[in-house]
Structure formats: structure tokens, C-alpha cells
């Protein structure tokens, strides 16, 4: 019982032999180095994560620009197609109007010819 109490007292007072003390100091130093390396690693990983976040943001910004440009091109293509359809409609309308004018011209020319014939006959009868 006394031997046990003496051992507890020695351990409680942290009295260790030389070899154990040296190994403990080495282990403590290795642990400190390991913790320093872990801190460095965390710093590097944190920087990498920040870099990836920035890159992700830039990629998303460029993606939105590309989508906007594509939508603009689609819009411009639709606008051109609409303009083309309007112009085709206008051409058709103008052709129809031209045909109407040709028919009207032929009618007027026919009426003019008839009136000239009538005038010529009237003058001849006198």
C-alpha cells in the first residue's frame, strides 16, 4: 500500500525518468510541428477555396454574359425574320397595287381611245 501511494505521489508530481522525459519532449515537439503543418495546410486550403470561389464567380459571370449574347442574337434573328416578312408583305402589297394601276391604266387608255374615236367620228360627220 505504501509503494502504491509513493508511485501515485511521484506520478502526481510529474517526476519521470530521463528517457521518458526526453521522449515526452520529442513527442511534444513533433506534435507542435504537426499542428504547425496542419495550420499551414488549412491556410493553403483556405486560399485554394477562396481562389475557387473567385473563379466560380467569374465563370458564372461569363456564363451569364454568354447567355445574354446568345439571347440577343436570337432576338436579332427573330427581328430580322419579322422585318423580312414585313418587307415580303409590303412587296406583295405594292405588286397588287401596281397590277391595279395597270388595269386602271388599260381601262383609261381604252376609254381615251373610245373618246378619240367618238371625237374623230363627230368631226368627220360635220
Protein backbone atom coordinates (compact mmCIF):
# COMPACT_ATOMS: atom_id res chain seq x y z
CA UNK A 1 0.00 0.00 0.00
CA UNK A 2 2.83 2.40 0.78
CA UNK A 3 4.51 1.55 -2.51
CA UNK A 4 1.30 2.44 -4.40
CA UNK A 5 0.96 5.72 -2.52
CA UNK A 6 4.56 6.59 -3.30
CA UNK A 7 4.05 5.85 -7.04
CA UNK A 8 0.89 7.99 -7.12
CA UNK A 9 2.80 10.79 -5.41
CA UNK A 10 5.66 10.55 -7.92
CA UNK A 11 3.31 10.48 -10.90
CA UNK A 12 1.27 13.33 -9.48
CA UNK A 13 4.44 15.37 -9.06
CA UNK A 14 5.41 14.50 -12.61
CA UNK A 15 8.71 13.07 -11.71
CA UNK A 16 9.76 10.95 -14.70
CA UNK A 17 12.93 9.17 -15.61
CA UNK A 18 15.30 10.78 -18.13
CA UNK A 19 14.40 8.63 -21.15
CA UNK A 20 10.67 9.15 -20.67
CA UNK A 21 11.20 12.86 -20.21
CA UNK A 22 13.26 13.09 -23.44
CA UNK A 23 10.68 11.08 -25.41
CA UNK A 24 7.92 13.24 -23.99
CA UNK A 25 9.74 16.40 -25.06
CA UNK A 26 10.32 14.93 -28.55
CA UNK A 27 6.68 13.94 -28.81
CA UNK A 28 5.66 17.40 -27.66
CA UNK A 29 7.91 18.97 -30.34
CA UNK A 30 6.59 16.60 -33.03
CA UNK A 31 3.04 17.44 -32.01
CA UNK A 32 3.85 21.15 -32.24
CA UNK A 33 5.39 20.63 -35.73
CA UNK A 34 2.37 18.58 -36.77
CA UNK A 35 -0.03 21.28 -35.54
CA UNK A 36 2.03 23.94 -37.39
CA UNK A 37 1.85 21.86 -40.57
CA UNK A 38 -1.90 21.40 -40.12
CA UNK A 39 -2.25 25.19 -39.69
CA UNK A 40 -0.19 25.76 -42.85
CA UNK A 41 -2.31 23.20 -44.67
CA UNK A 42 -5.51 24.90 -43.52
CA UNK A 43 -4.15 28.23 -44.70
CA UNK A 44 -3.27 26.78 -48.10
CA UNK A 45 -6.64 25.05 -48.39
CA UNK A 46 -8.41 28.25 -47.34
CA UNK A 47 -6.54 30.16 -50.06
CA UNK A 48 -7.40 27.47 -52.58
CA UNK A 49 -11.07 27.59 -51.60
CA UNK A 50 -11.08 31.39 -51.94
CA UNK A 51 -9.43 31.08 -55.35
CA UNK A 52 -12.01 28.51 -56.47
CA UNK A 53 -14.84 30.71 -55.17
CA UNK A 54 -13.50 33.66 -57.13
CA UNK A 55 -13.03 31.50 -60.22
CA UNK A 56 -16.55 30.12 -59.82
CA UNK A 57 -17.94 33.64 -59.58
CA UNK A 58 -16.03 34.69 -62.70
CA UNK A 59 -17.20 31.60 -64.60
CA UNK A 60 -20.80 32.30 -63.59
CA UNK A 61 -20.44 35.94 -64.71
CA UNK A 62 -19.05 34.86 -68.10
CA UNK A 63 -21.77 32.23 -68.41
CA UNK A 64 -24.44 34.90 -67.88
CA UNK A 65 -22.73 37.14 -70.46
CA UNK A 66 -22.73 34.27 -72.96
CA UNK A 67 -26.40 33.54 -72.29
CA UNK A 68 -27.20 37.23 -72.74
CA UNK A 69 -25.26 37.37 -76.01
CA UNK A 70 -26.99 34.22 -77.27
CA UNK A 71 -30.40 35.63 -76.36
CA UNK A 72 -29.53 38.90 -78.10
CA UNK A 73 -28.52 37.02 -81.25
CA UNK A 74 -31.75 35.01 -81.15
CA UNK A 75 -33.70 38.22 -80.69
CA UNK A 76 -31.89 39.88 -83.57
CA UNK A 77 -32.54 36.86 -85.80
CA UNK A 78 -36.23 36.93 -84.93
CA UNK A 79 -36.31 40.67 -85.55
CA UNK A 80 -34.68 40.19 -88.98
CA UNK A 81 -37.13 37.43 -89.82
CA UNK A 82 -40.01 39.68 -88.80
CA UNK A 83 -38.62 42.53 -90.89
CA UNK A 84 -38.21 40.18 -93.82
CA UNK A 85 -41.83 39.05 -93.50
CA UNK A 86 -42.97 42.68 -93.34
CA UNK A 87 -40.95 43.51 -96.45
CA UNK A 88 -42.33 40.48 -98.29
CA UNK A 89 -45.84 41.62 -97.33
CA UNK A 90 -45.08 45.15 -98.49
CA UNK A 91 -43.70 43.85 -101.80
CA UNK A 92 -46.84 41.79 -102.30
CA UNK A 93 -49.00 44.81 -101.47
CA UNK A 94 -47.06 47.00 -103.91
CA UNK A 95 -47.31 44.36 -106.65
CA UNK A 96 -51.06 44.18 -106.11
CA UNK A 97 -51.29 47.96 -106.25
CA UNK A 98 -49.17 48.01 -109.42
CA UNK A 99 -51.46 45.45 -111.05
CA UNK A 100 -54.47 47.57 -110.08
CA UNK A 101 -52.83 50.63 -111.61
CA UNK A 102 -52.05 48.69 -114.82
CA UNK A 103 -55.68 47.59 -115.10
CA UNK A 104 -56.84 51.14 -114.39
CA UNK A 105 -54.37 52.47 -116.99
CA UNK A 106 -55.64 49.98 -119.56
CA UNK A 107 -59.20 51.00 -118.78
CA UNK A 108 -58.34 54.69 -119.08
CA UNK A 109 -56.42 54.11 -122.29
CA UNK A 110 -59.41 52.19 -123.66
CA UNK A 111 -61.76 54.99 -122.60
CA UNK A 112 -59.40 57.57 -124.15
CA UNK A 113 -59.28 55.59 -127.39
CA UNK A 114 -63.06 55.32 -127.46
CA UNK A 115 -63.42 59.04 -126.81
CA UNK A 116 -60.90 59.86 -129.55
CA UNK A 117 -62.82 57.61 -131.92
CA UNK A 118 -66.03 59.34 -130.93
CA UNK A 119 -64.44 62.78 -131.41
CA UNK A 120 -62.95 61.71 -134.74
CA UNK A 121 -66.33 60.39 -135.91
CA UNK A 122 -68.09 63.51 -134.68
CA UNK A 123 -65.63 65.73 -136.55
CA UNK A 124 -65.95 63.61 -139.66
CA UNK A 125 -69.75 63.82 -139.59
CA UNK A 126 -69.70 67.55 -139.66
